[in-house]
Amino acid sequence: MKLTLAIPVYNQLQDAKPYLGLFKYNTSEETEWMVIDNGSIDKYEDFIQRHIKPERMQFIRNKANIGLVKTIQQAYENCTTEILAITHN
């Protein structure tokens, strides 16, 4: 079974860098990654593209903070695997 691991983020990029850096060590074809930037002023997309270069990662950027509950719903709507797991920064 394939798994999507969704991570809603909002600012605090410095704290999230070590966690996001683990993505590049994932080699499982069964896992996809989804990062939802909930209107951060931090440059999550730039960091991910420069340092992680994920092959199996969706990056979703909201223009404004829509709140955690709506962000989780957004993860569900964009998930393409059988299982969705959500962790929070």
Protein backbone atom coordinates (compact mmCIF):
# COMPACT_ATOMS: atom_id res chain seq x y z
CA MET A 1 0.00 0.00 0.00
CA LYS A 2 1.22 3.46 -0.85
CA LEU A 3 1.38 6.19 1.77
CA THR A 4 1.33 9.96 1.56
CA LEU A 5 2.95 11.81 4.44
CA ALA A 6 1.52 15.34 4.55
CA ILE A 7 3.18 18.10 6.53
CA PRO A 8 1.37 21.39 6.98
CA VAL A 9 3.86 24.19 7.69
CA TYR A 10 3.57 27.82 8.70
CA ASN A 11 6.72 29.89 9.17
CA GLN A 12 9.40 28.43 11.50
CA LEU A 13 11.52 27.21 8.55
CA GLN A 14 14.65 27.14 10.73
CA ASP A 15 12.98 24.64 13.06
CA ALA A 16 11.63 22.56 10.17
CA LYS A 17 14.87 22.31 8.14
CA PRO A 18 16.25 19.22 9.93
CA TYR A 19 12.90 17.46 9.62
CA LEU A 20 12.42 18.37 5.96
CA GLY A 21 16.00 17.34 5.24
CA LEU A 22 15.09 13.74 6.06
CA PHE A 23 13.01 13.57 2.86
CA LYS A 24 16.06 13.17 0.68
CA TYR A 25 16.97 9.98 2.53
CA ASN A 26 13.65 8.31 1.82
CA THR A 27 14.09 5.77 -0.94
CA SER A 28 10.80 3.93 -0.61
CA GLU A 29 8.70 3.90 -3.75
CA GLU A 30 5.71 3.36 -1.47
CA THR A 31 5.93 6.80 0.16
CA GLU A 32 4.97 10.15 -1.31
CA TRP A 33 5.46 13.47 0.42
CA MET A 34 3.22 16.51 0.57
CA VAL A 35 4.21 19.83 2.11
CA ILE A 36 1.46 22.41 2.46
CA ASP A 37 2.77 25.89 3.14
CA ASN A 38 -0.04 27.72 4.84
CA GLY A 39 0.84 31.27 3.79
CA SER A 40 4.28 31.46 5.38
CA ILE A 41 6.58 34.40 4.91
CA ASP A 42 9.45 31.90 5.12
CA LYS A 43 10.76 30.53 1.84
CA TYR A 44 9.78 26.85 2.14
CA GLU A 45 9.49 26.28 -1.60
CA ASP A 46 12.95 27.74 -2.27
CA PHE A 47 14.49 25.61 0.48
CA ILE A 48 12.86 22.43 -0.81
CA GLN A 49 13.89 23.04 -4.42
CA ARG A 50 17.49 23.95 -3.55
CA HIS A 51 18.28 21.42 -0.84
CA ILE A 52 15.92 18.48 -1.11
CA LYS A 53 14.93 18.22 -4.78
CA PRO A 54 12.23 15.67 -4.10
CA GLU A 55 10.98 13.41 -6.85
CA ARG A 56 7.85 12.26 -5.06
CA MET A 57 6.78 15.43 -3.32
CA GLN A 58 3.82 17.68 -3.86
CA PHE A 59 4.31 21.24 -2.72
CA ILE A 60 1.16 23.26 -2.17
CA ARG A 61 1.39 26.94 -1.29
CA ASN A 62 -1.59 28.79 0.11
CA LYS A 63 -1.54 32.55 -0.31
CA ALA A 64 -3.00 32.99 3.18
CA ASN A 65 -3.21 30.93 6.34
CA ILE A 66 -6.43 28.94 6.01
CA GLY A 67 -6.07 27.20 9.38
CA LEU A 68 -5.03 23.69 10.28
CA VAL A 69 -8.41 22.00 9.78
CA LYS A 70 -8.83 23.33 6.21
CA THR A 71 -5.19 22.48 5.49
CA ILE A 72 -5.80 18.87 6.57
CA GLN A 73 -8.85 18.79 4.30
CA GLN A 74 -6.67 20.13 1.49
CA ALA A 75 -4.19 17.30 2.11
CA TYR A 76 -7.01 14.77 1.88
CA GLU A 77 -8.29 16.29 -1.37
CA ASN A 78 -4.81 16.20 -2.96
CA CYS A 79 -3.78 12.74 -1.73
CA THR A 80 -3.36 10.15 -4.49
CA THR A 81 -2.42 7.14 -2.34
CA GLU A 82 -4.44 4.67 -0.26
CA ILE A 83 -3.19 6.00 3.07
CA LEU A 84 -2.73 9.57 4.26
CA ALA A 85 -0.70 10.36 7.37
CA ILE A 86 -0.41 13.92 8.64
CA THR A 87 2.33 15.26 10.86
CA HIS A 88 2.69 18.81 12.02
CA ASN A 89 5.76 20.99 12.36
